[in-house]
Amino acid sequence: MKFFLKVMKALSDPGRVKIMKMIQNRVMCVCEIQAALQVAQSTASKHLQILEDAGLIVSRKDGLWVNYMVADGSQSPYAASMIGNLRHWMDNDPEVQLLVDALPNIRRETICGR
């Protein structure tokens, strides 16, 4: 029950659902997620930590960057089920469509100047 509730709570926030939809399209760093959602870095980081704790995303360090991507679902059958369903859900939502459409213009090199 504990892991089921963790996954459901992680996806109970609109910002975290948006993060899931964005990183389904491409690997992103926290500064890109922050820019896309127009939130503070601490808010984006907190959302990412909750999603990672629930087994929905994973992070990988690559030099100076920490990249976030959708998990493979092996940590939990509940996470796996939600990851699979989210691939098809919310695609027609106007807010999600705007975010996904903006992704090509959101680049870490531009945001962070590196």
PDB file of N, CA and C in Angstrom:
ATOM      1  N   MET A   1       0.821  -1.191   0.000  1.00  0.00           N
ATOM      2  CA  MET A   1       0.000   0.000   0.000  1.00  0.00           C
ATOM      3  C   MET A   1       0.872   1.264   0.000  1.00  0.00           C
ATOM      4  N   LYS A   2       2.002   1.228   0.724  1.00  0.00           N
ATOM      5  CA  LYS A   2       2.856   2.403   0.861  1.00  0.00           C
ATOM      6  C   LYS A   2       3.345   2.903  -0.505  1.00  0.00           C
ATOM      7  N   PHE A   3       3.834   2.000  -1.353  1.00  0.00           N
ATOM      8  CA  PHE A   3       4.365   2.423  -2.647  1.00  0.00           C
ATOM      9  C   PHE A   3       3.249   2.886  -3.581  1.00  0.00           C
ATOM     10  N   PHE A   4       2.104   2.254  -3.510  1.00  0.00           N
ATOM     11  CA  PHE A   4       0.955   2.694  -4.308  1.00  0.00           C
ATOM     12  C   PHE A   4       0.602   4.142  -3.975  1.00  0.00           C
ATOM     13  N   LEU A   5       0.501   4.450  -2.688  1.00  0.00           N
ATOM     14  CA  LEU A   5       0.148   5.803  -2.266  1.00  0.00           C
ATOM     15  C   LEU A   5       1.226   6.814  -2.651  1.00  0.00           C
ATOM     16  N   LYS A   6       2.485   6.404  -2.586  1.00  0.00           N
ATOM     17  CA  LYS A   6       3.572   7.295  -2.969  1.00  0.00           C
ATOM     18  C   LYS A   6       3.468   7.689  -4.437  1.00  0.00           C
ATOM     19  N   VAL A   7       3.158   6.722  -5.290  1.00  0.00           N
ATOM     20  CA  VAL A   7       3.006   6.994  -6.725  1.00  0.00           C
ATOM     21  C   VAL A   7       1.790   7.895  -6.971  1.00  0.00           C
ATOM     22  N   MET A   8       0.681   7.592  -6.322  1.00  0.00           N
ATOM     23  CA  MET A   8      -0.534   8.392  -6.523  1.00  0.00           C
ATOM     24  C   MET A   8      -0.340   9.824  -6.021  1.00  0.00           C
ATOM     25  N   LYS A   9       0.299   9.978  -4.879  1.00  0.00           N
ATOM     26  CA  LYS A   9       0.542  11.317  -4.353  1.00  0.00           C
ATOM     27  C   LYS A   9       1.492  12.098  -5.257  1.00  0.00           C
ATOM     28  N   ALA A  10       2.491  11.409  -5.802  1.00  0.00           N
ATOM     29  CA  ALA A  10       3.439  12.083  -6.697  1.00  0.00           C
ATOM     30  C   ALA A  10       2.726  12.647  -7.916  1.00  0.00           C
ATOM     31  N   LEU A  11       1.710  11.963  -8.384  1.00  0.00           N
ATOM     32  CA  LEU A  11       0.993  12.407  -9.577  1.00  0.00           C
ATOM     33  C   LEU A  11      -0.257  13.231  -9.259  1.00  0.00           C
ATOM     34  N   SER A  12      -0.410  13.610  -7.997  1.00  0.00           N
ATOM     35  CA  SER A  12      -1.588  14.397  -7.613  1.00  0.00           C
ATOM     36  C   SER A  12      -1.369  15.898  -7.810  1.00  0.00           C
ATOM     37  N   ASP A  13      -0.182  16.288  -8.229  1.00  0.00           N
ATOM     38  CA  ASP A  13       0.129  17.700  -8.428  1.00  0.00           C
ATOM     39  C   ASP A  13       0.228  18.005  -9.925  1.00  0.00           C
ATOM     40  N   PRO A  14      -0.454  19.044 -10.409  1.00  0.00           N
ATOM     41  CA  PRO A  14      -0.404  19.359 -11.843  1.00  0.00           C
ATOM     42  C   PRO A  14       1.010  19.633 -12.365  1.00  0.00           C
ATOM     43  N   GLY A  15       1.836  20.265 -11.553  1.00  0.00           N
ATOM     44  CA  GLY A  15       3.211  20.534 -11.974  1.00  0.00           C
ATOM     45  C   GLY A  15       4.006  19.264 -12.207  1.00  0.00           C
ATOM     46  N   ARG A  16       3.793  18.272 -11.363  1.00  0.00           N
ATOM     47  CA  ARG A  16       4.525  17.006 -11.524  1.00  0.00           C
ATOM     48  C   ARG A  16       4.014  16.228 -12.725  1.00  0.00           C
ATOM     49  N   VAL A  17       2.725  16.307 -13.002  1.00  0.00           N
ATOM     50  CA  VAL A  17       2.194  15.663 -14.215  1.00  0.00           C
ATOM     51  C   VAL A  17       2.805  16.336 -15.449  1.00  0.00           C
ATOM     52  N   LYS A  18       2.905  17.645 -15.419  1.00  0.00           N
ATOM     53  CA  LYS A  18       3.511  18.370 -16.541  1.00  0.00           C
ATOM     54  C   LYS A  18       4.973  17.961 -16.726  1.00  0.00           C
ATOM     55  N   ILE A  19       5.699  17.805 -15.628  1.00  0.00           N
ATOM     56  CA  ILE A  19       7.087  17.359 -15.723  1.00  0.00           C
ATOM     57  C   ILE A  19       7.153  15.994 -16.383  1.00  0.00           C
ATOM     58  N   MET A  20       6.285  15.090 -15.975  1.00  0.00           N
ATOM     59  CA  MET A  20       6.265  13.752 -16.583  1.00  0.00           C
ATOM     60  C   MET A  20       6.023  13.848 -18.083  1.00  0.00           C
ATOM     61  N   LYS A  21       5.073  14.669 -18.486  1.00  0.00           N
ATOM     62  CA  LYS A  21       4.765  14.797 -19.914  1.00  0.00           C
ATOM     63  C   LYS A  21       5.930  15.413 -20.684  1.00  0.00           C
ATOM     64  N   MET A  22       6.626  16.359 -20.079  1.00  0.00           N
ATOM     65  CA  MET A  22       7.769  16.973 -20.764  1.00  0.00           C
ATOM     66  C   MET A  22       8.914  15.983 -20.927  1.00  0.00           C
ATOM     67  N   ILE A  23       9.233  15.256 -19.856  1.00  0.00           N
ATOM     68  CA  ILE A  23      10.389  14.361 -19.967  1.00  0.00           C
ATOM     69  C   ILE A  23      10.055  13.071 -20.704  1.00  0.00           C
ATOM     70  N   GLN A  24       8.801  12.853 -21.008  1.00  0.00           N
ATOM     71  CA  GLN A  24       8.473  11.766 -21.935  1.00  0.00           C
ATOM     72  C   GLN A  24       8.962  12.125 -23.333  1.00  0.00           C
ATOM     73  N   ASN A  25       9.056  13.404 -23.613  1.00  0.00           N
ATOM     74  CA  ASN A  25       9.475  13.876 -24.925  1.00  0.00           C
ATOM     75  C   ASN A  25      10.981  14.007 -25.067  1.00  0.00           C
ATOM     76  N   ARG A  26      11.660  14.308 -23.951  1.00  0.00           N
ATOM     77  CA  ARG A  26      13.115  14.407 -24.004  1.00  0.00           C
ATOM     78  C   ARG A  26      13.697  14.484 -22.603  1.00  0.00           C
ATOM     79  N   VAL A  27      14.939  14.134 -22.493  1.00  0.00           N
ATOM     80  CA  VAL A  27      15.678  14.257 -21.239  1.00  0.00           C
ATOM     81  C   VAL A  27      15.838  15.741 -20.940  1.00  0.00           C
ATOM     82  N   MET A  28      15.655  16.110 -19.671  1.00  0.00           N
ATOM     83  CA  MET A  28      15.743  17.519 -19.292  1.00  0.00           C
ATOM     84  C   MET A  28      16.524  17.680 -17.995  1.00  0.00           C
ATOM     85  N   CYS A  29      17.125  18.870 -17.829  1.00  0.00           N
ATOM     86  CA  CYS A  29      17.773  19.213 -16.568  1.00  0.00           C
ATOM     87  C   CYS A  29      16.830  20.112 -15.766  1.00  0.00           C
ATOM     88  N   VAL A  30      17.176  20.354 -14.516  1.00  0.00           N
ATOM     89  CA  VAL A  30      16.304  21.136 -13.641  1.00  0.00           C
ATOM     90  C   VAL A  30      16.120  22.561 -14.152  1.00  0.00           C
ATOM     91  N   CYS A  31      17.155  23.154 -14.742  1.00  0.00           N
ATOM     92  CA  CYS A  31      16.998  24.537 -15.214  1.00  0.00           C
ATOM     93  C   CYS A  31      16.026  24.616 -16.391  1.00  0.00           C
ATOM     94  N   GLU A  32      15.988  23.582 -17.233  1.00  0.00           N
ATOM     95  CA  GLU A  32      15.027  23.558 -18.337  1.00  0.00           C
ATOM     96  C   GLU A  32      13.604  23.378 -17.818  1.00  0.00           C
ATOM     97  N   ILE A  33      13.445  22.517 -16.832  1.00  0.00           N
ATOM     98  CA  ILE A  33      12.130  22.285 -16.235  1.00  0.00           C
ATOM     99  C   ILE A  33      11.651  23.548 -15.530  1.00  0.00           C
ATOM    100  N   GLN A  34      12.554  24.191 -14.815  1.00  0.00           N
ATOM    101  CA  GLN A  34      12.241  25.441 -14.138  1.00  0.00           C
ATOM    102  C   GLN A  34      11.782  26.494 -15.137  1.00  0.00           C
ATOM    103  N   ALA A  35      12.490  26.620 -16.242  1.00  0.00           N
ATOM    104  CA  ALA A  35      12.128  27.614 -17.258  1.00  0.00           C
ATOM    105  C   ALA A  35      10.789  27.286 -17.905  1.00  0.00           C
ATOM    106  N   ALA A  36      10.559  26.014 -18.201  1.00  0.00           N
ATOM    107  CA  ALA A  36       9.315  25.614 -18.856  1.00  0.00           C
ATOM    108  C   ALA A  36       8.099  25.872 -17.964  1.00  0.00           C
ATOM    109  N   LEU A  37       8.234  25.550 -16.695  1.00  0.00           N
ATOM    110  CA  LEU A  37       7.108  25.705 -15.765  1.00  0.00           C
ATOM    111  C   LEU A  37       7.038  27.101 -15.150  1.00  0.00           C
ATOM    112  N   GLN A  38       8.088  27.872 -15.329  1.00  0.00           N
ATOM    113  CA  GLN A  38       8.181  29.209 -14.743  1.00  0.00           C
ATOM    114  C   GLN A  38       7.981  29.163 -13.227  1.00  0.00           C
ATOM    115  N   VAL A  39       8.813  28.322 -12.591  1.00  0.00           N
ATOM    116  CA  VAL A  39       8.790  28.176 -11.137  1.00  0.00           C
ATOM    117  C   VAL A  39      10.207  28.375 -10.612  1.00  0.00           C
ATOM    118  N   ALA A  40      10.329  28.524  -9.315  1.00  0.00           N
ATOM    119  CA  ALA A  40      11.639  28.650  -8.684  1.00  0.00           C
ATOM    120  C   ALA A  40      12.406  27.335  -8.819  1.00  0.00           C
ATOM    121  N   GLN A  41      13.718  27.426  -8.803  1.00  0.00           N
ATOM    122  CA  GLN A  41      14.561  26.229  -8.905  1.00  0.00           C
ATOM    123  C   GLN A  41      14.253  25.265  -7.754  1.00  0.00           C
ATOM    124  N   SER A  42      14.024  25.795  -6.568  1.00  0.00           N
ATOM    125  CA  SER A  42      13.727  24.929  -5.426  1.00  0.00           C
ATOM    126  C   SER A  42      12.411  24.175  -5.622  1.00  0.00           C
ATOM    127  N   THR A  43      11.430  24.819  -6.241  1.00  0.00           N
ATOM    128  CA  THR A  43      10.145  24.169  -6.515  1.00  0.00           C
ATOM    129  C   THR A  43      10.318  23.051  -7.529  1.00  0.00           C
ATOM    130  N   ALA A  44      11.044  23.324  -8.607  1.00  0.00           N
ATOM    131  CA  ALA A  44      11.299  22.296  -9.621  1.00  0.00           C
ATOM    132  C   ALA A  44      12.055  21.123  -9.009  1.00  0.00           C
ATOM    133  N   SER A  45      13.066  21.412  -8.200  1.00  0.00           N
ATOM    134  CA  SER A  45      13.854  20.352  -7.563  1.00  0.00           C
ATOM    135  C   SER A  45      13.005  19.503  -6.629  1.00  0.00           C
ATOM    136  N   LYS A  46      12.129  20.143  -5.881  1.00  0.00           N
ATOM    137  CA  LYS A  46      11.245  19.409  -4.966  1.00  0.00           C
ATOM    138  C   LYS A  46      10.313  18.475  -5.741  1.00  0.00           C
ATOM    139  N   HIS A  47       9.731  18.976  -6.830  1.00  0.00           N
ATOM    140  CA  HIS A  47       8.877  18.130  -7.671  1.00  0.00           C
ATOM    141  C   HIS A  47       9.670  16.938  -8.207  1.00  0.00           C
ATOM    142  N   LEU A  48      10.875  17.187  -8.673  1.00  0.00           N
ATOM    143  CA  LEU A  48      11.703  16.107  -9.230  1.00  0.00           C
ATOM    144  C   LEU A  48      12.042  15.067  -8.175  1.00  0.00           C
ATOM    145  N   GLN A  49      12.328  15.503  -6.965  1.00  0.00           N
ATOM    146  CA  GLN A  49      12.642  14.575  -5.884  1.00  0.00           C
ATOM    147  C   GLN A  49      11.443  13.681  -5.555  1.00  0.00           C
ATOM    148  N   ILE A  50      10.263  14.256  -5.524  1.00  0.00           N
ATOM    149  CA  ILE A  50       9.049  13.483  -5.232  1.00  0.00           C
ATOM    150  C   ILE A  50       8.808  12.446  -6.331  1.00  0.00           C
ATOM    151  N   LEU A  51       8.955  12.854  -7.588  1.00  0.00           N
ATOM    152  CA  LEU A  51       8.774  11.922  -8.710  1.00  0.00           C
ATOM    153  C   LEU A  51       9.819  10.808  -8.683  1.00  0.00           C
ATOM    154  N   GLU A  52      11.042  11.172  -8.338  1.00  0.00           N
ATOM    155  CA  GLU A  52      12.107  10.163  -8.279  1.00  0.00           C
ATOM    156  C   GLU A  52      11.882   9.193  -7.118  1.00  0.00           C
ATOM    157  N   ASP A  53      11.478   9.708  -5.975  1.00  0.00           N
ATOM    158  CA  ASP A  53      11.200   8.847  -4.813  1.00  0.00           C
ATOM    159  C   ASP A  53      10.075   7.860  -5.107  1.00  0.00           C
ATOM    160  N   ALA A  54       9.149   8.251  -5.974  1.00  0.00           N
ATOM    161  CA  ALA A  54       8.025   7.379  -6.328  1.00  0.00           C
ATOM    162  C   ALA A  54       8.388   6.383  -7.426  1.00  0.00           C
ATOM    163  N   GLY A  55       9.605   6.482  -7.963  1.00  0.00           N
ATOM    164  CA  GLY A  55      10.027   5.546  -9.005  1.00  0.00           C
ATOM    165  C   GLY A  55       9.521   5.899 -10.394  1.00  0.00           C
ATOM    166  N   LEU A  56       9.069   7.136 -10.566  1.00  0.00           N
ATOM    167  CA  LEU A  56       8.521   7.548 -11.860  1.00  0.00           C
ATOM    168  C   LEU A  56       9.584   8.132 -12.789  1.00  0.00           C
ATOM    169  N   ILE A  57      10.618   8.727 -12.226  1.00  0.00           N
ATOM    170  CA  ILE A  57      11.717   9.262 -13.022  1.00  0.00           C
ATOM    171  C   ILE A  57      13.039   8.824 -12.410  1.00  0.00           C
ATOM    172  N   VAL A  58      14.102   8.972 -13.183  1.00  0.00           N
ATOM    173  CA  VAL A  58      15.459   8.718 -12.693  1.00  0.00           C
ATOM    174  C   VAL A  58      16.323   9.898 -13.098  1.00  0.00           C
ATOM    175  N   SER A  59      17.408  10.070 -12.365  1.00  0.00           N
ATOM    176  CA  SER A  59      18.359  11.124 -12.700  1.00  0.00           C
ATOM    177  C   SER A  59      19.722  10.488 -12.957  1.00  0.00           C
ATOM    178  N   ARG A  60      20.449  11.115 -13.867  1.00  0.00           N
ATOM    179  CA  ARG A  60      21.805  10.669 -14.175  1.00  0.00           C
ATOM    180  C   ARG A  60      22.693  11.890 -14.309  1.00  0.00           C
ATOM    181  N   LYS A  61      23.823  11.851 -13.620  1.00  0.00           N
ATOM    182  CA  LYS A  61      24.775  12.949 -13.706  1.00  0.00           C
ATOM    183  C   LYS A  61      25.587  12.796 -14.981  1.00  0.00           C
ATOM    184  N   ASP A  62      25.764  13.916 -15.677  1.00  0.00           N
ATOM    185  CA  ASP A  62      26.551  13.946 -16.911  1.00  0.00           C
ATOM    186  C   ASP A  62      27.396  15.212 -16.874  1.00  0.00           C
ATOM    187  N   GLY A  63      28.591  15.104 -16.321  1.00  0.00           N
ATOM    188  CA  GLY A  63      29.439  16.273 -16.155  1.00  0.00           C
ATOM    189  C   GLY A  63      28.805  17.232 -15.163  1.00  0.00           C
ATOM    190  N   LEU A  64      28.554  18.459 -15.611  1.00  0.00           N
ATOM    191  CA  LEU A  64      27.940  19.462 -14.743  1.00  0.00           C
ATOM    192  C   LEU A  64      26.433  19.306 -14.639  1.00  0.00           C
ATOM    193  N   TRP A  65      25.844  18.528 -15.527  1.00  0.00           N
ATOM    194  CA  TRP A  65      24.391  18.433 -15.614  1.00  0.00           C
ATOM    195  C   TRP A  65      23.871  17.209 -14.876  1.00  0.00           C
ATOM    196  N   VAL A  66      22.674  17.341 -14.339  1.00  0.00           N
ATOM    197  CA  VAL A  66      21.910  16.192 -13.850  1.00  0.00           C
ATOM    198  C   VAL A  66      20.713  16.095 -14.783  1.00  0.00           C
ATOM    199  N   ASN A  67      20.633  14.993 -15.495  1.00  0.00           N
ATOM    200  CA  ASN A  67      19.573  14.782 -16.474  1.00  0.00           C
ATOM    201  C   ASN A  67      18.466  13.937 -15.867  1.00  0.00           C
ATOM    202  N   TYR A  68      17.238  14.323 -16.146  1.00  0.00           N
ATOM    203  CA  TYR A  68      16.064  13.599 -15.654  1.00  0.00           C
ATOM    204  C   TYR A  68      15.343  12.961 -16.821  1.00  0.00           C
ATOM    205  N   MET A  69      14.951  11.705 -16.615  1.00  0.00           N
ATOM    206  CA  MET A  69      14.242  10.955 -17.648  1.00  0.00           C
ATOM    207  C   MET A  69      13.217  10.046 -16.996  1.00  0.00           C
ATOM    208  N   VAL A  70      12.284   9.579 -17.791  1.00  0.00           N
ATOM    209  CA  VAL A  70      11.252   8.667 -17.294  1.00  0.00           C
ATOM    210  C   VAL A  70      11.920   7.358 -16.889  1.00  0.00           C
ATOM    211  N   ALA A  71      11.529   6.830 -15.756  1.00  0.00           N
ATOM    212  CA  ALA A  71      12.071   5.555 -15.258  1.00  0.00           C
ATOM    213  C   ALA A  71      11.539   4.395 -16.093  1.00  0.00           C
ATOM    214  N   ASP A  72      12.179   3.261 -15.951  1.00  0.00           N
ATOM    215  CA  ASP A  72      11.730   2.070 -16.684  1.00  0.00           C
ATOM    216  C   ASP A  72      10.598   1.338 -15.968  1.00  0.00           C
ATOM    217  N   GLY A  73      10.263   1.769 -14.764  1.00  0.00           N
ATOM    218  CA  GLY A  73       9.144   1.173 -14.037  1.00  0.00           C
ATOM    219  C   GLY A  73       9.503  -0.057 -13.233  1.00  0.00           C
ATOM    220  N   SER A  74      10.776  -0.408 -13.205  1.00  0.00           N
ATOM    221  CA  SER A  74      11.178  -1.635 -12.509  1.00  0.00           C
ATOM    222  C   SER A  74      11.118  -1.508 -10.987  1.00  0.00           C
ATOM    223  N   GLN A  75      11.051  -0.304 -10.475  1.00  0.00           N
ATOM    224  CA  GLN A  75      11.032  -0.096  -9.033  1.00  0.00           C
ATOM    225  C   GLN A  75       9.689  -0.477  -8.408  1.00  0.00           C
ATOM    226  N   SER A  76       8.621  -0.377  -9.193  1.00  0.00           N
ATOM    227  CA  SER A  76       7.292  -0.619  -8.644  1.00  0.00           C
ATOM    228  C   SER A  76       6.309  -0.920  -9.765  1.00  0.00           C
ATOM    229  N   PRO A  77       5.431  -1.906  -9.576  1.00  0.00           N
ATOM    230  CA  PRO A  77       4.414  -2.157 -10.596  1.00  0.00           C
ATOM    231  C   PRO A  77       3.435  -0.990 -10.719  1.00  0.00           C
ATOM    232  N   TYR A  78       3.243  -0.248  -9.637  1.00  0.00           N
ATOM    233  CA  TYR A  78       2.350   0.908  -9.678  1.00  0.00           C
ATOM    234  C   TYR A  78       2.970   2.022 -10.505  1.00  0.00           C
ATOM    235  N   ALA A  79       4.262   2.261 -10.302  1.00  0.00           N
ATOM    236  CA  ALA A  79       4.963   3.264 -11.105  1.00  0.00           C
ATOM    237  C   ALA A  79       4.958   2.848 -12.569  1.00  0.00           C
ATOM    238  N   ALA A  80       5.226   1.576 -12.831  1.00  0.00           N
ATOM    239  CA  ALA A  80       5.248   1.084 -14.217  1.00  0.00           C
ATOM    240  C   ALA A  80       3.903   1.297 -14.899  1.00  0.00           C
ATOM    241  N   SER A  81       2.837   1.003 -14.202  1.00  0.00           N
ATOM    242  CA  SER A  81       1.502   1.169 -14.759  1.00  0.00           C
ATOM    243  C   SER A  81       1.205   2.633 -15.073  1.00  0.00           C
ATOM    244  N   MET A  82       1.544   3.511 -14.153  1.00  0.00           N
ATOM    245  CA  MET A  82       1.278   4.933 -14.368  1.00  0.00           C
ATOM    246  C   MET A  82       2.163   5.512 -15.470  1.00  0.00           C
ATOM    247  N   ILE A  83       3.404   5.079 -15.539  1.00  0.00           N
ATOM    248  CA  ILE A  83       4.295   5.534 -16.607  1.00  0.00           C
ATOM    249  C   ILE A  83       3.714   5.149 -17.965  1.00  0.00           C
ATOM    250  N   GLY A  84       3.254   3.918 -18.068  1.00  0.00           N
ATOM    251  CA  GLY A  84       2.660   3.448 -19.317  1.00  0.00           C
ATOM    252  C   GLY A  84       1.398   4.211 -19.683  1.00  0.00           C
ATOM    253  N   ASN A  85       0.544   4.428 -18.710  1.00  0.00           N
ATOM    254  CA  ASN A  85      -0.704   5.149 -18.968  1.00  0.00           C
ATOM    255  C   ASN A  85      -0.455   6.612 -19.315  1.00  0.00           C
ATOM    256  N   LEU A  86       0.489   7.240 -18.643  1.00  0.00           N
ATOM    257  CA  LEU A  86       0.761   8.652 -18.902  1.00  0.00           C
ATOM    258  C   LEU A  86       1.288   8.904 -20.313  1.00  0.00           C
ATOM    259  N   ARG A  87       1.825   7.874 -20.943  1.00  0.00           N
ATOM    260  CA  ARG A  87       2.291   8.043 -22.327  1.00  0.00           C
ATOM    261  C   ARG A  87       1.125   8.395 -23.252  1.00  0.00           C
ATOM    262  N   HIS A  88      -0.082   8.006 -22.858  1.00  0.00           N
ATOM    263  CA  HIS A  88      -1.258   8.226 -23.707  1.00  0.00           C
ATOM    264  C   HIS A  88      -2.223   9.260 -23.133  1.00  0.00           C
ATOM    265  N   TRP A  89      -2.109   9.523 -21.854  1.00  0.00           N
ATOM    266  CA  TRP A  89      -3.016  10.460 -21.204  1.00  0.00           C
ATOM    267  C   TRP A  89      -2.506  11.888 -21.338  1.00  0.00           C
ATOM    268  N   MET A  90      -3.395  12.827 -21.328  1.00  0.00           N
ATOM    269  CA  MET A  90      -3.124  14.254 -21.235  1.00  0.00           C
ATOM    270  C   MET A  90      -2.518  14.880 -22.495  1.00  0.00           C
ATOM    271  N   ASP A  91      -2.356  14.118 -23.548  1.00  0.00           N
ATOM    272  CA  ASP A  91      -1.733  14.662 -24.755  1.00  0.00           C
ATOM    273  C   ASP A  91      -2.555  15.785 -25.377  1.00  0.00           C
ATOM    274  N   ASN A  92      -3.851  15.778 -25.186  1.00  0.00           N
ATOM    275  CA  ASN A  92      -4.717  16.807 -25.768  1.00  0.00           C
ATOM    276  C   ASN A  92      -5.010  17.954 -24.812  1.00  0.00           C
ATOM    277  N   ASP A  93      -4.446  17.898 -23.620  1.00  0.00           N
ATOM    278  CA  ASP A  93      -4.646  18.972 -22.663  1.00  0.00           C
ATOM    279  C   ASP A  93      -3.923  20.228 -23.163  1.00  0.00           C
ATOM    280  N   PRO A  94      -4.622  21.381 -23.213  1.00  0.00           N
ATOM    281  CA  PRO A  94      -4.008  22.597 -23.750  1.00  0.00           C
ATOM    282  C   PRO A  94      -2.718  23.020 -23.031  1.00  0.00           C
ATOM    283  N   GLU A  95      -2.685  22.905 -21.705  1.00  0.00           N
ATOM    284  CA  GLU A  95      -1.474  23.282 -20.963  1.00  0.00           C
ATOM    285  C   GLU A  95      -0.315  22.365 -21.297  1.00  0.00           C
ATOM    286  N   VAL A  96      -0.588  21.086 -21.399  1.00  0.00           N
ATOM    287  CA  VAL A  96       0.457  20.120 -21.747  1.00  0.00           C
ATOM    288  C   VAL A  96       0.939  20.360 -23.172  1.00  0.00           C
ATOM    289  N   GLN A  97       0.019  20.595 -24.089  1.00  0.00           N
ATOM    290  CA  GLN A  97       0.396  20.853 -25.481  1.00  0.00           C
ATOM    291  C   GLN A  97       1.294  22.080 -25.596  1.00  0.00           C
ATOM    292  N   LEU A  98       0.971  23.147 -24.869  1.00  0.00           N
ATOM    293  CA  LEU A  98       1.806  24.352 -24.895  1.00  0.00           C
ATOM    294  C   LEU A  98       3.217  24.067 -24.398  1.00  0.00           C
ATOM    295  N   LEU A  99       3.319  23.321 -23.319  1.00  0.00           N
ATOM    296  CA  LEU A  99       4.640  22.983 -22.777  1.00  0.00           C
ATOM    297  C   LEU A  99       5.446  22.138 -23.753  1.00  0.00           C
ATOM    298  N   VAL A 100       4.826  21.117 -24.284  1.00  0.00           N
ATOM    299  CA  VAL A 100       5.524  20.222 -25.210  1.00  0.00           C
ATOM    300  C   VAL A 100       5.930  20.965 -26.481  1.00  0.00           C
ATOM    301  N   ASP A 101       5.061  21.835 -26.963  1.00  0.00           N
ATOM    302  CA  ASP A 101       5.390  22.617 -28.155  1.00  0.00           C
ATOM    303  C   ASP A 101       6.553  23.581 -27.907  1.00  0.00           C
ATOM    304  N   ALA A 102       6.699  24.045 -26.666  1.00  0.00           N
ATOM    305  CA  ALA A 102       7.770  24.993 -26.331  1.00  0.00           C
ATOM    306  C   ALA A 102       9.116  24.316 -26.096  1.00  0.00           C
ATOM    307  N   LEU A 103       9.133  23.010 -25.916  1.00  0.00           N
ATOM    308  CA  LEU A 103      10.369  22.307 -25.565  1.00  0.00           C
ATOM    309  C   LEU A 103      11.539  22.547 -26.526  1.00  0.00           C
ATOM    310  N   PRO A 104      11.331  22.591 -27.837  1.00  0.00           N
ATOM    311  CA  PRO A 104      12.489  22.828 -28.713  1.00  0.00           C
ATOM    312  C   PRO A 104      13.201  24.161 -28.456  1.00  0.00           C
ATOM    313  N   ASN A 105      12.502  25.126 -27.887  1.00  0.00           N
ATOM    314  CA  ASN A 105      13.093  26.435 -27.619  1.00  0.00           C
ATOM    315  C   ASN A 105      13.668  26.560 -26.218  1.00  0.00           C
ATOM    316  N   ILE A 106      13.548  25.525 -25.409  1.00  0.00           N
ATOM    317  CA  ILE A 106      14.057  25.551 -24.039  1.00  0.00           C
ATOM    318  C   ILE A 106      15.310  24.693 -23.997  1.00  0.00           C
ATOM    319  N   ARG A 107      16.459  25.357 -23.960  1.00  0.00           N
ATOM    320  CA  ARG A 107      17.753  24.680 -23.999  1.00  0.00           C
ATOM    321  C   ARG A 107      18.632  25.149 -22.846  1.00  0.00           C
ATOM    322  N   ARG A 108      19.236  24.206 -22.178  1.00  0.00           N
ATOM    323  CA  ARG A 108      20.085  24.502 -21.021  1.00  0.00           C
ATOM    324  C   ARG A 108      21.228  25.456 -21.377  1.00  0.00           C
ATOM    325  N   GLU A 109      21.770  25.321 -22.564  1.00  0.00           N
ATOM    326  CA  GLU A 109      22.885  26.170 -22.969  1.00  0.00           C
ATOM    327  C   GLU A 109      22.472  27.638 -23.017  1.00  0.00           C
ATOM    328  N   THR A 110      21.252  27.899 -23.421  1.00  0.00           N
ATOM    329  CA  THR A 110      20.737  29.265 -23.483  1.00  0.00           C
ATOM    330  C   THR A 110      20.390  29.771 -22.077  1.00  0.00           C
ATOM    331  N   ILE A 111      19.768  28.913 -21.291  1.00  0.00           N
ATOM    332  CA  ILE A 111      19.311  29.296 -19.958  1.00  0.00           C
ATOM    333  C   ILE A 111      20.493  29.551 -19.023  1.00  0.00           C
ATOM    334  N   CYS A 112      21.435  28.629 -19.011  1.00  0.00           N
ATOM    335  CA  CYS A 112      22.549  28.696 -18.067  1.00  0.00           C
ATOM    336  C   CYS A 112      23.796  29.336 -18.665  1.00  0.00           C
ATOM    337  N   GLY A 113      23.801  29.551 -19.965  1.00  0.00           N
ATOM    338  CA  GLY A 113      24.945  30.186 -20.612  1.00  0.00           C
ATOM    339  C   GLY A 113      26.211  29.346 -20.620  1.00  0.00           C
ATOM    340  N   ARG A 114      26.050  28.041 -20.609  1.00  0.00           N
ATOM    341  CA  ARG A 114      27.233  27.156 -20.626  1.00  0.00           C
ATOM    342  C   ARG A 114      27.279  26.366 -21.899  1.00  0.00           C
TER     343      ARG A 114
END
